[in-house]
Amino acid sequence: MNETTTNKTIALLHPGEMGAAIGAGLIARGHRVLWVSAGRSASTRKRAQDAGLEEVETLARAAQAAEIVFCVCPPHAAMELARAVAACGFGGVYIDANAVSTETTRAVGRVVAAAGASYVDAGIIGPPPISGASVRLYLCGSRAGEIAPLFEGCIMQAIVLQGPVGAASALKVCYAAWNKGATALLAGIRALAEQEGVDAALLAEWKISLPDIPKRSETVTLSARKAWRWIAEMEEIAASFEAAGLPAGFHLAAADIYRRLEGFKDAAKSPTLAEVTAALSRRR
């Protein structure tokens, strides 16, 4: 490894399932990866420890020690976290890898830049980067070319996009608009078919005319425990459509689908499809 890709100190905010896996990959590349323990849960602490991250008690200490802040958090927290880092006077490179709209990512960039940091917009497509996974980290911004080499040799492939800040988030928005949006749509369809007593007939027709759809319509059971994270993501996608002069209603409805499933957060196991459709069908 050359001088530009070694001995970096990176503050990872915060080590959820995705963040912890990214942190472990960076450590394997020889980087020092910090995490902030103040206010975090026992499960977050365990993930951080298992990944080998170095504990720092406060955000201020992490911002002081780090050359790079890598933010991967639920979308609704992206701006709040950027403001908190900016308030610490962080002057390094701030990478926002959250599932937010182009307008939100540009606003985050303005906040951290005003405090003296450089901004890199990022979008993650794929599952947490563990053995056997296929995952890409798309990057854009004036210093994106400096960040991509940090991940050389990692499971997660870093790809620099040409274009202004917002390109990486726009790509993520477009990808998730279909992937997670379709999951929500199919879940709603299954709930409606169940209520109307035509679920078996619908599945039989799909097997004839759309043979890939029956299995796809059940993937919501694997996603339900993460649905609480996807509410704000669908709202950010809707905002992106609206800003582009396109209808936003579809993904606002997808946000409502996931809102009805947020009770599965922290469940010991994935719910059944019957449990999912029951949750969706409750009268509001």
C-alpha atoms as a PDB file:
ATOM      1  CA  MET A   1       0.000   0.000   0.000  1.00  0.00           C
ATOM      2  CA  ASN A   2       1.274   3.491  -0.767  1.00  0.00           C
ATOM      3  CA  GLU A   3       1.440   6.549   1.426  1.00  0.00           C
ATOM      4  CA  THR A   4      -1.909   7.900   0.271  1.00  0.00           C
ATOM      5  CA  THR A   5      -3.824   4.846   1.389  1.00  0.00           C
ATOM      6  CA  THR A   6      -2.231   4.011   4.727  1.00  0.00           C
ATOM      7  CA  ASN A   7      -2.337   5.271   8.274  1.00  0.00           C
ATOM      8  CA  LYS A   8      -5.583   7.188   7.963  1.00  0.00           C
ATOM      9  CA  THR A   9      -7.651   7.828  11.056  1.00  0.00           C
ATOM     10  CA  ILE A  10     -11.344   7.535  10.247  1.00  0.00           C
ATOM     11  CA  ALA A  11     -14.285   8.301  12.533  1.00  0.00           C
ATOM     12  CA  LEU A  12     -17.154   5.987  11.622  1.00  0.00           C
ATOM     13  CA  LEU A  13     -20.601   7.342  12.514  1.00  0.00           C
ATOM     14  CA  HIS A  14     -22.206   4.966  13.450  1.00  0.00           C
ATOM     15  CA  PRO A  15     -21.448   1.236  13.475  1.00  0.00           C
ATOM     16  CA  GLY A  16     -24.757  -0.324  12.589  1.00  0.00           C
ATOM     17  CA  GLU A  17     -24.745  -3.510  10.552  1.00  0.00           C
ATOM     18  CA  MET A  18     -23.483  -1.694   7.454  1.00  0.00           C
ATOM     19  CA  GLY A  19     -21.120   0.645   9.270  1.00  0.00           C
ATOM     20  CA  ALA A  20     -19.486  -2.055  11.358  1.00  0.00           C
ATOM     21  CA  ALA A  21     -18.776  -4.150   8.263  1.00  0.00           C
ATOM     22  CA  ILE A  22     -17.282  -1.146   6.476  1.00  0.00           C
ATOM     23  CA  GLY A  23     -15.157  -0.358   9.527  1.00  0.00           C
ATOM     24  CA  ALA A  24     -13.837  -3.902   9.700  1.00  0.00           C
ATOM     25  CA  GLY A  25     -12.853  -3.699   6.040  1.00  0.00           C
ATOM     26  CA  LEU A  26     -10.998  -0.428   6.574  1.00  0.00           C
ATOM     27  CA  ILE A  27      -9.146  -1.845   9.571  1.00  0.00           C
ATOM     28  CA  ALA A  28      -8.110  -4.832   7.465  1.00  0.00           C
ATOM     29  CA  ARG A  29      -6.566  -2.303   5.059  1.00  0.00           C
ATOM     30  CA  GLY A  30      -4.449  -0.863   7.866  1.00  0.00           C
ATOM     31  CA  HIS A  31      -6.523   2.168   8.853  1.00  0.00           C
ATOM     32  CA  ARG A  32      -7.399   3.295  12.351  1.00  0.00           C
ATOM     33  CA  VAL A  33     -11.182   3.397  12.725  1.00  0.00           C
ATOM     34  CA  LEU A  34     -12.858   5.189  15.629  1.00  0.00           C
ATOM     35  CA  TRP A  35     -16.417   4.986  16.843  1.00  0.00           C
ATOM     36  CA  VAL A  36     -18.230   7.269  19.302  1.00  0.00           C
ATOM     37  CA  SER A  37     -19.740   5.426  22.252  1.00  0.00           C
ATOM     38  CA  ALA A  38     -21.671   8.286  23.899  1.00  0.00           C
ATOM     39  CA  GLY A  39     -25.389   7.559  23.776  1.00  0.00           C
ATOM     40  CA  ARG A  40     -25.035   4.356  21.778  1.00  0.00           C
ATOM     41  CA  SER A  41     -26.772   1.084  22.607  1.00  0.00           C
ATOM     42  CA  ALA A  42     -25.322  -2.159  23.913  1.00  0.00           C
ATOM     43  CA  SER A  43     -25.909  -3.786  20.529  1.00  0.00           C
ATOM     44  CA  THR A  44     -23.955  -1.005  18.801  1.00  0.00           C
ATOM     45  CA  ARG A  45     -21.126  -1.457  21.284  1.00  0.00           C
ATOM     46  CA  LYS A  46     -20.988  -5.185  20.564  1.00  0.00           C
ATOM     47  CA  ARG A  47     -20.907  -4.616  16.796  1.00  0.00           C
ATOM     48  CA  ALA A  48     -18.104  -2.081  17.195  1.00  0.00           C
ATOM     49  CA  GLN A  49     -16.078  -4.383  19.415  1.00  0.00           C
ATOM     50  CA  ASP A  50     -16.595  -7.364  17.124  1.00  0.00           C
ATOM     51  CA  ALA A  51     -15.418  -5.272  14.170  1.00  0.00           C
ATOM     52  CA  GLY A  52     -12.311  -4.120  16.034  1.00  0.00           C
ATOM     53  CA  LEU A  53     -13.218  -0.429  16.108  1.00  0.00           C
ATOM     54  CA  GLU A  54     -11.487   1.862  18.589  1.00  0.00           C
ATOM     55  CA  GLU A  55     -13.814   3.450  21.133  1.00  0.00           C
ATOM     56  CA  VAL A  56     -13.846   7.213  21.639  1.00  0.00           C
ATOM     57  CA  GLU A  57     -16.228   8.583  24.228  1.00  0.00           C
ATOM     58  CA  THR A  58     -17.357  11.796  22.529  1.00  0.00           C
ATOM     59  CA  LEU A  59     -17.928  13.123  19.044  1.00  0.00           C
ATOM     60  CA  ALA A  60     -15.650  16.085  19.784  1.00  0.00           C
ATOM     61  CA  ARG A  61     -12.715  13.776  20.523  1.00  0.00           C
ATOM     62  CA  ALA A  62     -13.380  11.722  17.409  1.00  0.00           C
ATOM     63  CA  ALA A  63     -13.569  14.846  15.225  1.00  0.00           C
ATOM     64  CA  GLN A  64     -10.320  16.120  16.693  1.00  0.00           C
ATOM     65  CA  ALA A  65      -8.475  12.851  16.094  1.00  0.00           C
ATOM     66  CA  ALA A  66      -9.851  11.913  12.674  1.00  0.00           C
ATOM     67  CA  GLU A  67      -8.719  12.946   9.220  1.00  0.00           C
ATOM     68  CA  ILE A  68     -11.910  11.532   7.715  1.00  0.00           C
ATOM     69  CA  VAL A  69     -15.452  11.250   9.044  1.00  0.00           C
ATOM     70  CA  PHE A  70     -17.496   8.523   7.376  1.00  0.00           C
ATOM     71  CA  CYS A  71     -21.188   8.915   8.155  1.00  0.00           C
ATOM     72  CA  VAL A  72     -23.575   6.004   7.586  1.00  0.00           C
ATOM     73  CA  CYS A  73     -26.752   6.425   9.622  1.00  0.00           C
ATOM     74  CA  PRO A  74     -30.530   6.321   9.135  1.00  0.00           C
ATOM     75  CA  PRO A  75     -31.490   9.021   6.593  1.00  0.00           C
ATOM     76  CA  HIS A  76     -33.529  11.084   9.050  1.00  0.00           C
ATOM     77  CA  ALA A  77     -30.378  11.659  11.146  1.00  0.00           C
ATOM     78  CA  ALA A  78     -28.043  12.750   8.329  1.00  0.00           C
ATOM     79  CA  MET A  79     -28.435  16.507   8.734  1.00  0.00           C
ATOM     80  CA  GLU A  80     -28.402  16.437  12.524  1.00  0.00           C
ATOM     81  CA  LEU A  81     -25.175  14.452  12.545  1.00  0.00           C
ATOM     82  CA  ALA A  82     -23.541  16.750   9.984  1.00  0.00           C
ATOM     83  CA  ARG A  83     -24.387  19.765  12.131  1.00  0.00           C
ATOM     84  CA  ALA A  84     -22.960  18.059  15.207  1.00  0.00           C
ATOM     85  CA  VAL A  85     -19.682  17.284  13.416  1.00  0.00           C
ATOM     86  CA  ALA A  86     -19.507  20.829  12.023  1.00  0.00           C
ATOM     87  CA  ALA A  87     -20.019  22.204  15.533  1.00  0.00           C
ATOM     88  CA  CYS A  88     -16.890  20.302  16.582  1.00  0.00           C
ATOM     89  CA  GLY A  89     -14.860  22.306  14.056  1.00  0.00           C
ATOM     90  CA  PHE A  90     -13.957  19.284  11.941  1.00  0.00           C
ATOM     91  CA  GLY A  91     -11.750  20.316   9.008  1.00  0.00           C
ATOM     92  CA  GLY A  92     -10.967  17.016   7.293  1.00  0.00           C
ATOM     93  CA  VAL A  93     -12.955  15.073   4.704  1.00  0.00           C
ATOM     94  CA  TYR A  94     -16.590  14.387   5.527  1.00  0.00           C
ATOM     95  CA  ILE A  95     -18.174  11.478   3.649  1.00  0.00           C
ATOM     96  CA  ASP A  96     -21.951  11.193   3.782  1.00  0.00           C
ATOM     97  CA  ALA A  97     -23.017   7.700   2.680  1.00  0.00           C
ATOM     98  CA  ASN A  98     -26.624   8.003   3.776  1.00  0.00           C
ATOM     99  CA  ALA A  99     -29.669   7.253   1.623  1.00  0.00           C
ATOM    100  CA  VAL A 100     -30.761  10.862   1.131  1.00  0.00           C
ATOM    101  CA  SER A 101     -32.006  13.035  -1.700  1.00  0.00           C
ATOM    102  CA  THR A 102     -29.729  15.152  -3.835  1.00  0.00           C
ATOM    103  CA  GLU A 103     -31.031  18.289  -2.115  1.00  0.00           C
ATOM    104  CA  THR A 104     -30.327  16.846   1.328  1.00  0.00           C
ATOM    105  CA  THR A 105     -26.816  15.734   0.426  1.00  0.00           C
ATOM    106  CA  ARG A 106     -25.994  19.182  -0.992  1.00  0.00           C
ATOM    107  CA  ALA A 107     -27.356  20.796   2.169  1.00  0.00           C
ATOM    108  CA  VAL A 108     -25.201  18.475   4.285  1.00  0.00           C
ATOM    109  CA  GLY A 109     -22.219  19.445   2.148  1.00  0.00           C
ATOM    110  CA  ARG A 110     -22.854  23.141   2.741  1.00  0.00           C
ATOM    111  CA  VAL A 111     -23.069  22.607   6.493  1.00  0.00           C
ATOM    112  CA  VAL A 112     -19.749  20.778   6.826  1.00  0.00           C
ATOM    113  CA  ALA A 113     -17.996  23.004   4.274  1.00  0.00           C
ATOM    114  CA  ALA A 114     -18.972  26.103   6.251  1.00  0.00           C
ATOM    115  CA  ALA A 115     -17.060  24.646   9.192  1.00  0.00           C
ATOM    116  CA  GLY A 116     -13.962  24.030   7.049  1.00  0.00           C
ATOM    117  CA  ALA A 117     -14.373  20.408   5.922  1.00  0.00           C
ATOM    118  CA  SER A 118     -14.216  18.979   2.410  1.00  0.00           C
ATOM    119  CA  TYR A 119     -17.309  17.067   1.334  1.00  0.00           C
ATOM    120  CA  VAL A 120     -17.658  13.761  -0.489  1.00  0.00           C
ATOM    121  CA  ASP A 121     -21.125  12.538  -1.462  1.00  0.00           C
ATOM    122  CA  ALA A 122     -21.444   8.744  -1.330  1.00  0.00           C
ATOM    123  CA  GLY A 123     -24.038   6.098  -2.071  1.00  0.00           C
ATOM    124  CA  ILE A 124     -23.880   2.442  -1.038  1.00  0.00           C
ATOM    125  CA  ILE A 125     -25.557  -0.158  -3.222  1.00  0.00           C
ATOM    126  CA  GLY A 126     -25.622  -3.702  -1.901  1.00  0.00           C
ATOM    127  CA  PRO A 127     -25.625  -5.461   1.475  1.00  0.00           C
ATOM    128  CA  PRO A 128     -23.080  -4.981   4.273  1.00  0.00           C
ATOM    129  CA  PRO A 129     -19.636  -5.821   2.819  1.00  0.00           C
ATOM    130  CA  ILE A 130     -18.900  -9.253   4.256  1.00  0.00           C
ATOM    131  CA  SER A 131     -17.465 -12.325   2.572  1.00  0.00           C
ATOM    132  CA  GLY A 132     -19.526 -13.309  -0.450  1.00  0.00           C
ATOM    133  CA  ALA A 133     -21.294  -9.949  -0.733  1.00  0.00           C
ATOM    134  CA  SER A 134     -21.423  -7.762  -3.824  1.00  0.00           C
ATOM    135  CA  VAL A 135     -21.448  -4.125  -2.773  1.00  0.00           C
ATOM    136  CA  ARG A 136     -20.375  -0.836  -4.331  1.00  0.00           C
ATOM    137  CA  LEU A 137     -19.561   2.544  -2.808  1.00  0.00           C
ATOM    138  CA  TYR A 138     -20.170   5.331  -5.321  1.00  0.00           C
ATOM    139  CA  LEU A 139     -18.354   8.595  -4.629  1.00  0.00           C
ATOM    140  CA  CYS A 140     -18.409  12.104  -6.046  1.00  0.00           C
ATOM    141  CA  GLY A 141     -16.977  15.463  -5.072  1.00  0.00           C
ATOM    142  CA  SER A 142     -13.632  17.187  -5.489  1.00  0.00           C
ATOM    143  CA  ARG A 143     -11.814  14.769  -3.178  1.00  0.00           C
ATOM    144  CA  ALA A 144     -13.602  11.562  -4.134  1.00  0.00           C
ATOM    145  CA  GLY A 145     -10.499  10.406  -6.006  1.00  0.00           C
ATOM    146  CA  GLU A 146      -8.529  10.519  -2.738  1.00  0.00           C
ATOM    147  CA  ILE A 147     -11.109   8.457  -0.875  1.00  0.00           C
ATOM    148  CA  ALA A 148     -11.595   5.606  -3.351  1.00  0.00           C
ATOM    149  CA  PRO A 149      -8.079   4.147  -2.826  1.00  0.00           C
ATOM    150  CA  LEU A 150      -8.832   3.626   0.876  1.00  0.00           C
ATOM    151  CA  PHE A 151     -11.028   0.709  -0.185  1.00  0.00           C
ATOM    152  CA  GLU A 152      -8.644  -0.960  -2.646  1.00  0.00           C
ATOM    153  CA  GLY A 153      -8.578  -4.656  -1.855  1.00  0.00           C
ATOM    154  CA  CYS A 154     -11.750  -4.453   0.254  1.00  0.00           C
ATOM    155  CA  ILE A 155     -14.899  -6.453  -0.432  1.00  0.00           C
ATOM    156  CA  MET A 156     -16.628  -3.127  -1.080  1.00  0.00           C
ATOM    157  CA  GLN A 157     -15.658  -1.662  -4.453  1.00  0.00           C
ATOM    158  CA  ALA A 158     -15.264   2.131  -4.524  1.00  0.00           C
ATOM    159  CA  ILE A 159     -16.286   3.836  -7.781  1.00  0.00           C
ATOM    160  CA  VAL A 160     -15.764   7.539  -8.480  1.00  0.00           C
ATOM    161  CA  LEU A 161     -18.585   9.180 -10.444  1.00  0.00           C
ATOM    162  CA  GLN A 162     -18.086  12.181 -12.685  1.00  0.00           C
ATOM    163  CA  GLY A 163     -20.384  15.051 -11.901  1.00  0.00           C
ATOM    164  CA  PRO A 164     -21.171  17.458  -9.073  1.00  0.00           C
ATOM    165  CA  VAL A 165     -22.027  16.618  -5.486  1.00  0.00           C
ATOM    166  CA  GLY A 166     -25.373  14.850  -5.572  1.00  0.00           C
ATOM    167  CA  ALA A 167     -24.526  12.359  -8.319  1.00  0.00           C
ATOM    168  CA  ALA A 168     -23.759   9.519  -5.912  1.00  0.00           C
ATOM    169  CA  SER A 169     -26.909  10.134  -3.899  1.00  0.00           C
ATOM    170  CA  ALA A 170     -28.964  10.423  -7.101  1.00  0.00           C
ATOM    171  CA  LEU A 171     -27.726   7.018  -8.250  1.00  0.00           C
ATOM    172  CA  LYS A 172     -28.601   5.510  -4.874  1.00  0.00           C
ATOM    173  CA  VAL A 173     -32.047   7.148  -5.003  1.00  0.00           C
ATOM    174  CA  CYS A 174     -32.761   5.735  -8.458  1.00  0.00           C
ATOM    175  CA  TYR A 175     -31.626   2.254  -7.452  1.00  0.00           C
ATOM    176  CA  ALA A 176     -33.581   2.177  -4.186  1.00  0.00           C
ATOM    177  CA  ALA A 177     -36.626   3.751  -5.822  1.00  0.00           C
ATOM    178  CA  TRP A 178     -37.051   0.502  -7.722  1.00  0.00           C
ATOM    179  CA  ASN A 179     -35.539  -2.049  -5.334  1.00  0.00           C
ATOM    180  CA  LYS A 180     -37.147  -0.991  -2.061  1.00  0.00           C
ATOM    181  CA  GLY A 181     -40.090   0.702  -3.761  1.00  0.00           C
ATOM    182  CA  ALA A 182     -41.015  -2.523  -5.556  1.00  0.00           C
ATOM    183  CA  THR A 183     -40.754  -4.471  -2.303  1.00  0.00           C
ATOM    184  CA  ALA A 184     -43.255  -2.079  -0.704  1.00  0.00           C
ATOM    185  CA  LEU A 185     -45.593  -2.223  -3.698  1.00  0.00           C
ATOM    186  CA  LEU A 186     -45.617  -6.018  -3.799  1.00  0.00           C
ATOM    187  CA  ALA A 187     -46.193  -6.203  -0.039  1.00  0.00           C
ATOM    188  CA  GLY A 188     -49.227  -3.939  -0.406  1.00  0.00           C
ATOM    189  CA  ILE A 189     -50.539  -6.034  -3.292  1.00  0.00           C
ATOM    190  CA  ARG A 190     -50.244  -9.226  -1.273  1.00  0.00           C
ATOM    191  CA  ALA A 191     -52.091  -7.594   1.627  1.00  0.00           C
ATOM    192  CA  LEU A 192     -54.899  -6.452  -0.693  1.00  0.00           C
ATOM    193  CA  ALA A 193     -55.152  -9.878  -2.355  1.00  0.00           C
ATOM    194  CA  GLU A 194     -55.339 -11.521   1.065  1.00  0.00           C
ATOM    195  CA  GLN A 195     -58.143  -9.208   2.183  1.00  0.00           C
ATOM    196  CA  GLU A 196     -60.111  -9.813  -1.013  1.00  0.00           C
ATOM    197  CA  GLY A 197     -59.621 -13.588  -0.879  1.00  0.00           C
ATOM    198  CA  VAL A 198     -57.726 -13.824  -4.185  1.00  0.00           C
ATOM    199  CA  ASP A 199     -54.170 -14.386  -2.940  1.00  0.00           C
ATOM    200  CA  ALA A 200     -53.995 -18.009  -4.142  1.00  0.00           C
ATOM    201  CA  ALA A 201     -55.427 -17.080  -7.531  1.00  0.00           C
ATOM    202  CA  LEU A 202     -52.986 -14.165  -7.855  1.00  0.00           C
ATOM    203  CA  LEU A 203     -50.023 -16.414  -7.077  1.00  0.00           C
ATOM    204  CA  ALA A 204     -51.238 -18.962  -9.619  1.00  0.00           C
ATOM    205  CA  GLU A 205     -51.515 -16.262 -12.299  1.00  0.00           C
ATOM    206  CA  TRP A 206     -48.102 -14.820 -11.444  1.00  0.00           C
ATOM    207  CA  LYS A 207     -46.544 -18.280 -11.788  1.00  0.00           C
ATOM    208  CA  ILE A 208     -47.907 -18.418 -15.333  1.00  0.00           C
ATOM    209  CA  SER A 209     -47.287 -14.876 -16.526  1.00  0.00           C
ATOM    210  CA  LEU A 210     -44.671 -13.414 -14.135  1.00  0.00           C
ATOM    211  CA  PRO A 211     -42.854 -16.416 -12.642  1.00  0.00           C
ATOM    212  CA  ASP A 212     -40.238 -14.358 -10.762  1.00  0.00           C
ATOM    213  CA  ILE A 213     -42.801 -12.296  -8.862  1.00  0.00           C
ATOM    214  CA  PRO A 214     -44.182 -14.792  -6.278  1.00  0.00           C
ATOM    215  CA  LYS A 215     -40.791 -15.157  -4.615  1.00  0.00           C
ATOM    216  CA  ARG A 216     -40.053 -11.451  -4.942  1.00  0.00           C
ATOM    217  CA  SER A 217     -43.368 -10.628  -3.275  1.00  0.00           C
ATOM    218  CA  GLU A 218     -42.199 -12.396  -0.115  1.00  0.00           C
ATOM    219  CA  THR A 219     -38.868 -10.582   0.291  1.00  0.00           C
ATOM    220  CA  VAL A 220     -40.620  -8.054   2.505  1.00  0.00           C
ATOM    221  CA  THR A 221     -40.479 -10.649   5.296  1.00  0.00           C
ATOM    222  CA  LEU A 222     -36.677 -10.411   5.214  1.00  0.00           C
ATOM    223  CA  SER A 223     -36.796  -6.622   5.143  1.00  0.00           C
ATOM    224  CA  ALA A 224     -39.463  -5.945   7.767  1.00  0.00           C
ATOM    225  CA  ARG A 225     -37.030  -5.574  10.656  1.00  0.00           C
ATOM    226  CA  LYS A 226     -35.288  -2.782   8.707  1.00  0.00           C
ATOM    227  CA  ALA A 227     -38.519  -1.095   7.645  1.00  0.00           C
ATOM    228  CA  TRP A 228     -38.130   1.646  10.267  1.00  0.00           C
ATOM    229  CA  ARG A 229     -34.941   2.801   8.465  1.00  0.00           C
ATOM    230  CA  TRP A 230     -36.646   2.887   5.089  1.00  0.00           C
ATOM    231  CA  ILE A 231     -39.461   5.277   6.015  1.00  0.00           C
ATOM    232  CA  ALA A 232     -37.226   8.337   5.742  1.00  0.00           C
ATOM    233  CA  GLU A 233     -35.429   6.829   2.738  1.00  0.00           C
ATOM    234  CA  MET A 234     -38.703   6.604   0.831  1.00  0.00           C
ATOM    235  CA  GLU A 235     -39.487  10.199   1.821  1.00  0.00           C
ATOM    236  CA  GLU A 236     -36.063  11.302   0.551  1.00  0.00           C
ATOM    237  CA  ILE A 237     -36.733   9.472  -2.717  1.00  0.00           C
ATOM    238  CA  ALA A 238     -40.117  11.189  -2.983  1.00  0.00           C
ATOM    239  CA  ALA A 239     -38.419  14.541  -2.439  1.00  0.00           C
ATOM    240  CA  SER A 240     -35.965  13.746  -5.241  1.00  0.00           C
ATOM    241  CA  PHE A 241     -38.813  12.949  -7.637  1.00  0.00           C
ATOM    242  CA  GLU A 242     -40.667  16.101  -6.652  1.00  0.00           C
ATOM    243  CA  ALA A 243     -37.557  18.263  -7.108  1.00  0.00           C
ATOM    244  CA  ALA A 244     -37.198  16.829 -10.615  1.00  0.00           C
ATOM    245  CA  GLY A 245     -40.817  17.690 -11.443  1.00  0.00           C
ATOM    246  CA  LEU A 246     -41.921  14.055 -11.243  1.00  0.00           C
ATOM    247  CA  PRO A 247     -44.805  12.584  -9.197  1.00  0.00           C
ATOM    248  CA  ALA A 248     -43.735  11.855  -5.628  1.00  0.00           C
ATOM    249  CA  GLY A 249     -46.828  10.016  -4.414  1.00  0.00           C
ATOM    250  CA  PHE A 250     -45.690   6.477  -5.131  1.00  0.00           C
ATOM    251  CA  HIS A 251     -42.759   6.639  -2.728  1.00  0.00           C
ATOM    252  CA  LEU A 252     -44.733   8.540  -0.111  1.00  0.00           C
ATOM    253  CA  ALA A 253     -47.086   5.553  -0.158  1.00  0.00           C
ATOM    254  CA  ALA A 254     -44.065   3.241   0.114  1.00  0.00           C
ATOM    255  CA  ALA A 255     -43.019   5.204   3.194  1.00  0.00           C
ATOM    256  CA  ASP A 256     -46.439   4.509   4.689  1.00  0.00           C
ATOM    257  CA  ILE A 257     -46.064   0.797   3.911  1.00  0.00           C
ATOM    258  CA  TYR A 258     -42.779   0.720   5.811  1.00  0.00           C
ATOM    259  CA  ARG A 259     -44.207   2.865   8.611  1.00  0.00           C
ATOM    260  CA  ARG A 260     -46.825   0.178   9.204  1.00  0.00           C
ATOM    261  CA  LEU A 261     -44.029  -2.379   9.552  1.00  0.00           C
ATOM    262  CA  GLU A 262     -41.805  -0.458  11.968  1.00  0.00           C
ATOM    263  CA  GLY A 263     -43.179  -2.517  14.858  1.00  0.00           C
ATOM    264  CA  PHE A 264     -40.949  -5.365  13.649  1.00  0.00           C
ATOM    265  CA  LYS A 265     -37.830  -3.402  14.572  1.00  0.00           C
ATOM    266  CA  ASP A 266     -35.565  -5.465  16.875  1.00  0.00           C
ATOM    267  CA  ALA A 267     -37.747  -8.557  16.455  1.00  0.00           C
ATOM    268  CA  ALA A 268     -35.915 -11.766  17.313  1.00  0.00           C
ATOM    269  CA  LYS A 269     -36.684 -13.220  13.889  1.00  0.00           C
ATOM    270  CA  SER A 270     -38.200 -12.189  10.587  1.00  0.00           C
ATOM    271  CA  PRO A 271     -42.011 -12.117  10.534  1.00  0.00           C
ATOM    272  CA  THR A 272     -44.076 -14.404   8.354  1.00  0.00           C
ATOM    273  CA  LEU A 273     -45.850 -13.022   5.309  1.00  0.00           C
ATOM    274  CA  ALA A 274     -49.153 -13.408   7.147  1.00  0.00           C
ATOM    275  CA  GLU A 275     -47.816 -11.229   9.979  1.00  0.00           C
ATOM    276  CA  VAL A 276     -46.629  -8.639   7.482  1.00  0.00           C
ATOM    277  CA  THR A 277     -49.946  -8.451   5.608  1.00  0.00           C
ATOM    278  CA  ALA A 278     -51.817  -8.265   8.910  1.00  0.00           C
ATOM    279  CA  ALA A 279     -49.688  -5.296   9.962  1.00  0.00           C
ATOM    280  CA  LEU A 280     -50.299  -3.577   6.631  1.00  0.00           C
ATOM    281  CA  SER A 281     -54.041  -4.193   6.677  1.00  0.00           C
ATOM    282  CA  ARG A 282     -54.820  -2.690  10.067  1.00  0.00           C
ATOM    283  CA  ARG A 283     -57.279   0.139   9.668  1.00  0.00           C
ATOM    284  CA  ARG A 284     -55.748   3.540  10.218  1.00  0.00           C
END
